């Protein structure tokens, strides 16, 4: 089995379900594939950052918003011929700023209420489902826990 996986890799991505005033932030993709599709904002994790720092960086780069991470509310995983991917979904709220599109990765950034999310097209199904769940629940999911590190590396732990 090990030889069959040679050359394959796993990507780690993060996305932020940013809730403000009964609405969730969505962005519109400005690149292919799926240009014009609405989704929750996010991107890939760099090797020199924790997942929460990655989602904060991605939101700032794409929308100009500074966010406070509240917890992990979802995980999606997939696997294909070239490898796999894990997406960690954070619940977050705005610390400062107003959303605007970077005009590079995204062409629009807007907050939508539940009715608007339900009617939004085109939208990725997972983004719709998570957005609606964030508006129907105040759960922060897994939250960061404070425990002494077992190594000298930068790390964080999350639990119920």
C-alpha atoms as a PDB file:
ATOM      1  CA  UNK A   1       0.000   0.000   0.000  1.00  0.00           C
ATOM      2  CA  UNK A   2       2.789   2.396   0.803  1.00  0.00           C
ATOM      3  CA  UNK A   3       4.101   2.386  -2.799  1.00  0.00           C
ATOM      4  CA  UNK A   4       0.625   3.202  -4.144  1.00  0.00           C
ATOM      5  CA  UNK A   5       0.602   6.405  -2.082  1.00  0.00           C
ATOM      6  CA  UNK A   6       4.040   7.587  -3.264  1.00  0.00           C
ATOM      7  CA  UNK A   7       3.790  11.077  -4.686  1.00  0.00           C
ATOM      8  CA  UNK A   8       0.366  11.749  -3.182  1.00  0.00           C
ATOM      9  CA  UNK A   9      -0.138  14.477  -0.613  1.00  0.00           C
ATOM     10  CA  UNK A  10      -2.602  15.898   1.853  1.00  0.00           C
ATOM     11  CA  UNK A  11      -3.653  19.543   1.759  1.00  0.00           C
ATOM     12  CA  UNK A  12      -4.936  21.315   4.871  1.00  0.00           C
ATOM     13  CA  UNK A  13      -7.400  24.155   4.425  1.00  0.00           C
ATOM     14  CA  UNK A  14      -9.342  26.396   6.770  1.00  0.00           C
ATOM     15  CA  UNK A  15     -12.505  28.390   6.418  1.00  0.00           C
ATOM     16  CA  UNK A  16     -14.264  30.879   8.647  1.00  0.00           C
ATOM     17  CA  UNK A  17     -17.985  30.905   9.372  1.00  0.00           C
ATOM     18  CA  UNK A  18     -18.023  34.565  10.436  1.00  0.00           C
ATOM     19  CA  UNK A  19     -21.261  35.540  12.158  1.00  0.00           C
ATOM     20  CA  UNK A  20     -22.351  39.143  12.720  1.00  0.00           C
ATOM     21  CA  UNK A  21     -25.808  40.512  13.543  1.00  0.00           C
ATOM     22  CA  UNK A  22     -27.660  37.354  12.517  1.00  0.00           C
ATOM     23  CA  UNK A  23     -25.792  37.045   9.222  1.00  0.00           C
ATOM     24  CA  UNK A  24     -22.895  34.957   7.896  1.00  0.00           C
ATOM     25  CA  UNK A  25     -20.067  36.204   5.673  1.00  0.00           C
ATOM     26  CA  UNK A  26     -19.786  34.713   2.181  1.00  0.00           C
ATOM     27  CA  UNK A  27     -17.306  35.489  -0.567  1.00  0.00           C
ATOM     28  CA  UNK A  28     -17.600  35.006  -4.309  1.00  0.00           C
ATOM     29  CA  UNK A  29     -14.737  33.172  -6.011  1.00  0.00           C
ATOM     30  CA  UNK A  30     -12.835  35.155  -8.630  1.00  0.00           C
ATOM     31  CA  UNK A  31     -10.958  32.203 -10.189  1.00  0.00           C
ATOM     32  CA  UNK A  32     -11.589  28.852 -11.815  1.00  0.00           C
ATOM     33  CA  UNK A  33     -12.757  26.301 -11.155  1.00  0.00           C
ATOM     34  CA  UNK A  34     -16.147  27.514  -9.991  1.00  0.00           C
ATOM     35  CA  UNK A  35     -15.581  31.223 -10.629  1.00  0.00           C
ATOM     36  CA  UNK A  36     -18.593  33.188  -9.352  1.00  0.00           C
ATOM     37  CA  UNK A  37     -19.589  30.579  -6.763  1.00  0.00           C
ATOM     38  CA  UNK A  38     -20.359  31.799  -3.241  1.00  0.00           C
ATOM     39  CA  UNK A  39     -18.496  30.131  -0.376  1.00  0.00           C
ATOM     40  CA  UNK A  40     -17.291  30.712   3.148  1.00  0.00           C
ATOM     41  CA  UNK A  41     -13.920  32.513   3.066  1.00  0.00           C
ATOM     42  CA  UNK A  42     -10.669  30.678   3.700  1.00  0.00           C
ATOM     43  CA  UNK A  43      -7.694  29.015   2.123  1.00  0.00           C
ATOM     44  CA  UNK A  44      -4.670  26.814   2.640  1.00  0.00           C
ATOM     45  CA  UNK A  45      -2.588  26.558   5.794  1.00  0.00           C
ATOM     46  CA  UNK A  46       1.096  27.446   5.622  1.00  0.00           C
ATOM     47  CA  UNK A  47       3.531  25.097   7.343  1.00  0.00           C
ATOM     48  CA  UNK A  48       4.661  27.794   9.782  1.00  0.00           C
ATOM     49  CA  UNK A  49       1.244  28.605  11.291  1.00  0.00           C
ATOM     50  CA  UNK A  50      -1.448  27.021  13.425  1.00  0.00           C
ATOM     51  CA  UNK A  51      -4.890  26.486  11.927  1.00  0.00           C
ATOM     52  CA  UNK A  52      -6.497  29.384  13.815  1.00  0.00           C
ATOM     53  CA  UNK A  53      -3.758  31.777  12.671  1.00  0.00           C
ATOM     54  CA  UNK A  54      -4.233  30.546   9.091  1.00  0.00           C
ATOM     55  CA  UNK A  55      -7.954  31.334   9.075  1.00  0.00           C
ATOM     56  CA  UNK A  56      -7.274  34.770  10.582  1.00  0.00           C
ATOM     57  CA  UNK A  57      -4.641  35.458   7.894  1.00  0.00           C
ATOM     58  CA  UNK A  58      -6.857  34.232   5.052  1.00  0.00           C
ATOM     59  CA  UNK A  59      -9.824  36.367   6.168  1.00  0.00           C
ATOM     60  CA  UNK A  60      -7.640  39.442   6.473  1.00  0.00           C
ATOM     61  CA  UNK A  61      -6.062  38.873   3.043  1.00  0.00           C
ATOM     62  CA  UNK A  62      -9.339  38.180   1.242  1.00  0.00           C
ATOM     63  CA  UNK A  63     -11.800  40.485   3.017  1.00  0.00           C
ATOM     64  CA  UNK A  64      -9.833  42.966   5.134  1.00  0.00           C
ATOM     65  CA  UNK A  65     -11.580  41.705   8.276  1.00  0.00           C
ATOM     66  CA  UNK A  66      -9.809  40.938  11.524  1.00  0.00           C
ATOM     67  CA  UNK A  67     -11.574  38.043  13.204  1.00  0.00           C
ATOM     68  CA  UNK A  68     -11.661  36.355  16.584  1.00  0.00           C
ATOM     69  CA  UNK A  69     -11.818  32.558  16.381  1.00  0.00           C
ATOM     70  CA  UNK A  70     -14.437  31.029  18.700  1.00  0.00           C
ATOM     71  CA  UNK A  71     -14.048  27.324  17.966  1.00  0.00           C
ATOM     72  CA  UNK A  72     -14.017  24.513  15.420  1.00  0.00           C
ATOM     73  CA  UNK A  73     -17.512  23.755  14.126  1.00  0.00           C
ATOM     74  CA  UNK A  74     -16.802  21.327  11.306  1.00  0.00           C
ATOM     75  CA  UNK A  75     -14.305  19.184   9.433  1.00  0.00           C
ATOM     76  CA  UNK A  76     -14.520  17.951   5.856  1.00  0.00           C
ATOM     77  CA  UNK A  77     -12.209  15.360   4.379  1.00  0.00           C
ATOM     78  CA  UNK A  78     -11.884  13.969   0.885  1.00  0.00           C
ATOM     79  CA  UNK A  79      -9.533  11.725  -1.024  1.00  0.00           C
ATOM     80  CA  UNK A  80      -8.838  11.377  -4.740  1.00  0.00           C
ATOM     81  CA  UNK A  81      -6.309   9.987  -7.168  1.00  0.00           C
ATOM     82  CA  UNK A  82      -3.700  12.686  -6.458  1.00  0.00           C
ATOM     83  CA  UNK A  83      -4.145  12.740  -2.674  1.00  0.00           C
ATOM     84  CA  UNK A  84      -6.445  14.078  -0.026  1.00  0.00           C
ATOM     85  CA  UNK A  85      -7.552  17.200   1.720  1.00  0.00           C
ATOM     86  CA  UNK A  86      -8.823  18.221   5.123  1.00  0.00           C
ATOM     87  CA  UNK A  87     -10.837  21.391   5.655  1.00  0.00           C
ATOM     88  CA  UNK A  88     -11.275  22.699   9.208  1.00  0.00           C
ATOM     89  CA  UNK A  89     -14.195  25.084   9.670  1.00  0.00           C
ATOM     90  CA  UNK A  90     -13.979  27.717  12.401  1.00  0.00           C
ATOM     91  CA  UNK A  91     -16.760  29.762  13.928  1.00  0.00           C
ATOM     92  CA  UNK A  92     -15.560  33.353  14.159  1.00  0.00           C
ATOM     93  CA  UNK A  93     -16.730  36.894  14.742  1.00  0.00           C
ATOM     94  CA  UNK A  94     -15.524  40.238  13.473  1.00  0.00           C
ATOM     95  CA  UNK A  95     -12.969  42.014  15.658  1.00  0.00           C
ATOM     96  CA  UNK A  96     -12.596  44.986  13.325  1.00  0.00           C
ATOM     97  CA  UNK A  97     -13.172  46.148   9.787  1.00  0.00           C
ATOM     98  CA  UNK A  98     -15.817  46.008   7.107  1.00  0.00           C
ATOM     99  CA  UNK A  99     -15.681  43.319   4.425  1.00  0.00           C
ATOM    100  CA  UNK A 100     -14.375  44.156   0.981  1.00  0.00           C
ATOM    101  CA  UNK A 101     -13.207  41.890  -1.820  1.00  0.00           C
ATOM    102  CA  UNK A 102      -9.497  41.671  -2.547  1.00  0.00           C
ATOM    103  CA  UNK A 103     -10.454  41.543  -6.278  1.00  0.00           C
ATOM    104  CA  UNK A 104      -7.821  38.847  -6.751  1.00  0.00           C
ATOM    105  CA  UNK A 105      -9.143  35.678  -5.102  1.00  0.00           C
ATOM    106  CA  UNK A 106     -12.631  37.006  -4.451  1.00  0.00           C
ATOM    107  CA  UNK A 107     -14.880  39.415  -6.318  1.00  0.00           C
ATOM    108  CA  UNK A 108     -17.420  40.072  -3.544  1.00  0.00           C
ATOM    109  CA  UNK A 109     -17.723  39.759   0.248  1.00  0.00           C
ATOM    110  CA  UNK A 110     -21.148  40.092   1.856  1.00  0.00           C
ATOM    111  CA  UNK A 111     -23.065  39.090   4.969  1.00  0.00           C
ATOM    112  CA  UNK A 112     -26.283  37.122   4.325  1.00  0.00           C
ATOM    113  CA  UNK A 113     -29.177  36.133   6.605  1.00  0.00           C
ATOM    114  CA  UNK A 114     -30.745  32.646   6.613  1.00  0.00           C
ATOM    115  CA  UNK A 115     -33.306  33.436   3.917  1.00  0.00           C
ATOM    116  CA  UNK A 116     -30.636  34.875   1.635  1.00  0.00           C
ATOM    117  CA  UNK A 117     -28.315  31.909   2.273  1.00  0.00           C
ATOM    118  CA  UNK A 118     -31.095  29.451   1.412  1.00  0.00           C
ATOM    119  CA  UNK A 119     -31.658  31.244  -1.922  1.00  0.00           C
ATOM    120  CA  UNK A 120     -27.991  31.957  -2.732  1.00  0.00           C
ATOM    121  CA  UNK A 121     -26.844  30.619  -6.144  1.00  0.00           C
ATOM    122  CA  UNK A 122     -24.417  29.338  -7.100  1.00  0.00           C
ATOM    123  CA  UNK A 123     -23.101  28.276  -3.688  1.00  0.00           C
ATOM    124  CA  UNK A 124     -21.094  25.297  -2.496  1.00  0.00           C
ATOM    125  CA  UNK A 125     -23.463  22.939  -0.618  1.00  0.00           C
ATOM    126  CA  UNK A 126     -21.182  22.644   2.431  1.00  0.00           C
ATOM    127  CA  UNK A 127     -20.923  26.431   2.710  1.00  0.00           C
ATOM    128  CA  UNK A 128     -24.723  26.748   2.599  1.00  0.00           C
ATOM    129  CA  UNK A 129     -25.225  24.019   5.210  1.00  0.00           C
ATOM    130  CA  UNK A 130     -22.590  25.421   7.603  1.00  0.00           C
ATOM    131  CA  UNK A 131     -23.852  29.002   7.242  1.00  0.00           C
ATOM    132  CA  UNK A 132     -27.419  27.974   8.062  1.00  0.00           C
ATOM    133  CA  UNK A 133     -26.232  25.898  11.025  1.00  0.00           C
ATOM    134  CA  UNK A 134     -24.276  28.860  12.403  1.00  0.00           C
ATOM    135  CA  UNK A 135     -27.461  30.929  12.404  1.00  0.00           C
ATOM    136  CA  UNK A 136     -29.545  28.213  14.083  1.00  0.00           C
ATOM    137  CA  UNK A 137     -27.019  27.427  16.841  1.00  0.00           C
ATOM    138  CA  UNK A 138     -24.769  29.418  19.130  1.00  0.00           C
ATOM    139  CA  UNK A 139     -22.433  26.461  19.658  1.00  0.00           C
ATOM    140  CA  UNK A 140     -18.757  27.183  19.257  1.00  0.00           C
ATOM    141  CA  UNK A 141     -17.976  23.479  18.863  1.00  0.00           C
ATOM    142  CA  UNK A 142     -14.489  22.480  19.893  1.00  0.00           C
ATOM    143  CA  UNK A 143     -12.726  25.294  21.721  1.00  0.00           C
ATOM    144  CA  UNK A 144      -9.071  25.883  22.450  1.00  0.00           C
ATOM    145  CA  UNK A 145      -7.929  24.337  25.699  1.00  0.00           C
ATOM    146  CA  UNK A 146      -5.030  25.533  27.788  1.00  0.00           C
ATOM    147  CA  UNK A 147      -2.607  22.700  28.499  1.00  0.00           C
ATOM    148  CA  UNK A 148       1.176  22.734  28.798  1.00  0.00           C
ATOM    149  CA  UNK A 149       2.907  21.851  25.518  1.00  0.00           C
ATOM    150  CA  UNK A 150       4.614  18.486  25.262  1.00  0.00           C
ATOM    151  CA  UNK A 151       7.161  19.830  22.799  1.00  0.00           C
ATOM    152  CA  UNK A 152       8.875  23.077  21.908  1.00  0.00           C
ATOM    153  CA  UNK A 153       6.901  23.435  18.662  1.00  0.00           C
ATOM    154  CA  UNK A 154       4.075  25.920  18.231  1.00  0.00           C
ATOM    155  CA  UNK A 155       0.851  24.018  18.822  1.00  0.00           C
ATOM    156  CA  UNK A 156      -2.707  24.307  20.087  1.00  0.00           C
ATOM    157  CA  UNK A 157      -5.291  21.827  21.268  1.00  0.00           C
ATOM    158  CA  UNK A 158      -9.097  21.904  20.925  1.00  0.00           C
ATOM    159  CA  UNK A 159     -11.700  19.888  22.818  1.00  0.00           C
ATOM    160  CA  UNK A 160     -15.322  19.914  23.928  1.00  0.00           C
END
